[in-house]
Amino acid sequence: MLGAIVAQANDIIGILAVFIVVFVLDLITGLAKSIITGVKIESYKLRWSFAKTCCYLLTFAFTMFTGICVGAIDAAGGVLKVEVYTALWIELLSITENMTRIFPGVS
C-alpha cells in the first residue's frame, strides 16, 4: 500500500526507499525463519541472496545508464519503476514464505 501511495507521488527515490526497507525485512525474516525453525543458515542461500542483490543493483544501474546515454531519462525512470515494483513483489513473496514457516499454524 505504501508503494502505491509513493507511486502516485511519482517519486522514484521514495519507491527505492520502500524497496530497501522491504529488502531488509526479507533478510530479517529469513534469518528469523532459520533461527526459529532450527535450520542452520546454509552458504548457498547466502550466496543466492548476494546474487539476487547484485542482479537488482545491476539491473537498476543499467536502466539508468542506458537512459542517460540515449537521452531518455524520463523513459528510463518509468522502466526503473517497473523494475523496482517487480523486485518489491519478489521480496514480498519471499517475506510471505518466511512468515508462513515462522508461524505455521496461521493461514
C-alpha atoms as a PDB file:
ATOM      1  CA  MET A   1       0.000   0.000   0.000  1.00  0.00           C
ATOM      2  CA  LEU A   2       2.833   2.337   0.847  1.00  0.00           C
ATOM      3  CA  GLY A   3       4.365   1.630  -2.562  1.00  0.00           C
ATOM      4  CA  ALA A   4       1.101   2.602  -4.289  1.00  0.00           C
ATOM      5  CA  ILE A   5       0.929   5.858  -2.357  1.00  0.00           C
ATOM      6  CA  VAL A   6       4.506   6.689  -3.231  1.00  0.00           C
ATOM      7  CA  ALA A   7       3.897   5.802  -6.886  1.00  0.00           C
ATOM      8  CA  GLN A   8       1.088   8.328  -7.036  1.00  0.00           C
ATOM      9  CA  ALA A   9       3.536  10.942  -5.860  1.00  0.00           C
ATOM     10  CA  ASN A  10       5.775   9.972  -8.819  1.00  0.00           C
ATOM     11  CA  ASP A  11       8.873   9.891  -6.662  1.00  0.00           C
ATOM     12  CA  ILE A  12      11.456   7.266  -7.636  1.00  0.00           C
ATOM     13  CA  ILE A  13      13.502   7.961  -4.504  1.00  0.00           C
ATOM     14  CA  GLY A  14      10.514   7.074  -2.335  1.00  0.00           C
ATOM     15  CA  ILE A  15       9.915   3.865  -4.257  1.00  0.00           C
ATOM     16  CA  LEU A  16      13.559   2.879  -3.872  1.00  0.00           C
ATOM     17  CA  ALA A  17      13.362   3.655  -0.141  1.00  0.00           C
ATOM     18  CA  VAL A  18      10.360   1.346   0.213  1.00  0.00           C
ATOM     19  CA  PHE A  19      12.276  -1.314  -1.727  1.00  0.00           C
ATOM     20  CA  ILE A  20      15.269  -1.048   0.600  1.00  0.00           C
ATOM     21  CA  VAL A  21      13.037  -1.408   3.666  1.00  0.00           C
ATOM     22  CA  VAL A  22      11.293  -4.455   2.199  1.00  0.00           C
ATOM     23  CA  PHE A  23      14.633  -5.963   1.155  1.00  0.00           C
ATOM     24  CA  VAL A  24      15.990  -5.630   4.699  1.00  0.00           C
ATOM     25  CA  LEU A  25      12.751  -7.097   6.092  1.00  0.00           C
ATOM     26  CA  ASP A  26      13.231 -10.091   3.797  1.00  0.00           C
ATOM     27  CA  LEU A  27      16.731 -10.639   5.181  1.00  0.00           C
ATOM     28  CA  ILE A  28      15.478 -10.309   8.760  1.00  0.00           C
ATOM     29  CA  THR A  29      12.555 -12.701   8.262  1.00  0.00           C
ATOM     30  CA  GLY A  30      14.858 -15.177   6.518  1.00  0.00           C
ATOM     31  CA  LEU A  31      17.259 -15.147   9.451  1.00  0.00           C
ATOM     32  CA  ALA A  32      14.367 -15.389  11.919  1.00  0.00           C
ATOM     33  CA  LYS A  33      12.965 -18.350   9.984  1.00  0.00           C
ATOM     34  CA  SER A  34      16.305 -20.139  10.212  1.00  0.00           C
ATOM     35  CA  ILE A  35      16.613 -19.486  13.934  1.00  0.00           C
ATOM     36  CA  ILE A  36      13.013 -20.351  14.834  1.00  0.00           C
ATOM     37  CA  THR A  37      12.762 -23.483  12.701  1.00  0.00           C
ATOM     38  CA  GLY A  38      16.185 -24.664  13.857  1.00  0.00           C
ATOM     39  CA  VAL A  39      17.515 -24.934  10.308  1.00  0.00           C
ATOM     40  CA  LYS A  40      21.082 -23.762  10.032  1.00  0.00           C
ATOM     41  CA  ILE A  41      21.868 -20.925   7.654  1.00  0.00           C
ATOM     42  CA  GLU A  42      23.408 -22.512   4.587  1.00  0.00           C
ATOM     43  CA  SER A  43      26.068 -20.854   2.488  1.00  0.00           C
ATOM     44  CA  TYR A  44      24.278 -21.446  -0.802  1.00  0.00           C
ATOM     45  CA  LYS A  45      21.287 -19.453   0.464  1.00  0.00           C
ATOM     46  CA  LEU A  46      23.571 -16.587   1.449  1.00  0.00           C
ATOM     47  CA  ARG A  47      25.212 -16.753  -1.982  1.00  0.00           C
ATOM     48  CA  TRP A  48      21.781 -16.666  -3.611  1.00  0.00           C
ATOM     49  CA  SER A  49      20.855 -13.608  -1.538  1.00  0.00           C
ATOM     50  CA  PHE A  50      24.077 -11.884  -2.594  1.00  0.00           C
ATOM     51  CA  ALA A  51      23.471 -12.802  -6.250  1.00  0.00           C
ATOM     52  CA  LYS A  52      19.905 -11.519  -6.059  1.00  0.00           C
ATOM     53  CA  THR A  53      21.136  -8.230  -4.592  1.00  0.00           C
ATOM     54  CA  CYS A  54      23.708  -7.861  -7.362  1.00  0.00           C
ATOM     55  CA  CYS A  55      21.075  -8.585 -10.013  1.00  0.00           C
ATOM     56  CA  TYR A  56      18.774  -5.933  -8.596  1.00  0.00           C
ATOM     57  CA  LEU A  57      21.503  -3.297  -8.379  1.00  0.00           C
ATOM     58  CA  LEU A  58      22.990  -4.045 -11.790  1.00  0.00           C
ATOM     59  CA  THR A  59      19.571  -4.010 -13.458  1.00  0.00           C
ATOM     60  CA  PHE A  60      18.667  -0.679 -11.869  1.00  0.00           C
ATOM     61  CA  ALA A  61      22.049   0.827 -12.766  1.00  0.00           C
ATOM     62  CA  PHE A  62      21.941  -0.482 -16.342  1.00  0.00           C
ATOM     63  CA  THR A  63      18.494   1.008 -16.897  1.00  0.00           C
ATOM     64  CA  MET A  64      19.540   4.436 -15.672  1.00  0.00           C
ATOM     65  CA  PHE A  65      22.874   4.309 -17.542  1.00  0.00           C
ATOM     66  CA  THR A  66      21.072   3.401 -20.767  1.00  0.00           C
ATOM     67  CA  GLY A  67      18.533   6.166 -20.217  1.00  0.00           C
ATOM     68  CA  ILE A  68      21.286   8.727 -19.702  1.00  0.00           C
ATOM     69  CA  CYS A  69      23.244   7.550 -22.764  1.00  0.00           C
ATOM     70  CA  VAL A  70      20.199   7.570 -25.018  1.00  0.00           C
ATOM     71  CA  GLY A  71      18.909  10.827 -23.571  1.00  0.00           C
ATOM     72  CA  ALA A  72      15.616   9.329 -22.435  1.00  0.00           C
ATOM     73  CA  ILE A  73      15.846   9.764 -18.686  1.00  0.00           C
ATOM     74  CA  ASP A  74      12.065  10.038 -18.248  1.00  0.00           C
ATOM     75  CA  ALA A  75      11.504   6.751 -20.086  1.00  0.00           C
ATOM     76  CA  ALA A  76      14.291   5.112 -18.084  1.00  0.00           C
ATOM     77  CA  GLY A  77      12.635   6.332 -14.894  1.00  0.00           C
ATOM     78  CA  GLY A  78       9.398   4.644 -15.947  1.00  0.00           C
ATOM     79  CA  VAL A  79      11.202   1.403 -16.723  1.00  0.00           C
ATOM     80  CA  LEU A  80      13.053   1.662 -13.417  1.00  0.00           C
ATOM     81  CA  LYS A  81       9.736   1.944 -11.579  1.00  0.00           C
ATOM     82  CA  VAL A  82       8.532  -1.271 -13.204  1.00  0.00           C
ATOM     83  CA  GLU A  83      11.780  -2.993 -12.262  1.00  0.00           C
ATOM     84  CA  VAL A  84      11.580  -1.818  -8.659  1.00  0.00           C
ATOM     85  CA  TYR A  85       7.933  -2.870  -8.354  1.00  0.00           C
ATOM     86  CA  THR A  86       8.822  -6.295  -9.743  1.00  0.00           C
ATOM     87  CA  ALA A  87      11.673  -6.598  -7.237  1.00  0.00           C
ATOM     88  CA  LEU A  88       9.290  -5.480  -4.470  1.00  0.00           C
ATOM     89  CA  TRP A  89       6.852  -8.208  -5.494  1.00  0.00           C
ATOM     90  CA  ILE A  90       9.605 -10.842  -5.368  1.00  0.00           C
ATOM     91  CA  GLU A  91      10.731  -9.650  -1.939  1.00  0.00           C
ATOM     92  CA  LEU A  92       7.173  -9.561  -0.578  1.00  0.00           C
ATOM     93  CA  LEU A  93       6.614 -13.128  -1.761  1.00  0.00           C
ATOM     94  CA  SER A  94       9.805 -14.159  -0.009  1.00  0.00           C
ATOM     95  CA  ILE A  95       8.698 -12.428   3.199  1.00  0.00           C
ATOM     96  CA  THR A  96       5.340 -14.203   2.977  1.00  0.00           C
ATOM     97  CA  GLU A  97       7.114 -17.552   2.534  1.00  0.00           C
ATOM     98  CA  ASN A  98       9.317 -16.861   5.533  1.00  0.00           C
ATOM     99  CA  MET A  99       6.383 -15.793   7.693  1.00  0.00           C
ATOM    100  CA  THR A 100       4.381 -18.939   6.850  1.00  0.00           C
ATOM    101  CA  ARG A 101       7.323 -21.016   8.060  1.00  0.00           C
ATOM    102  CA  ILE A 102       7.794 -18.909  11.177  1.00  0.00           C
ATOM    103  CA  PHE A 103       4.073 -19.113  12.031  1.00  0.00           C
ATOM    104  CA  PRO A 104       2.945 -22.433  10.517  1.00  0.00           C
ATOM    105  CA  GLY A 105      -0.460 -22.509  12.231  1.00  0.00           C
ATOM    106  CA  VAL A 106      -1.596 -19.140  10.899  1.00  0.00           C
ATOM    107  CA  SER A 107      -3.172 -19.093   7.463  1.00  0.00           C
END
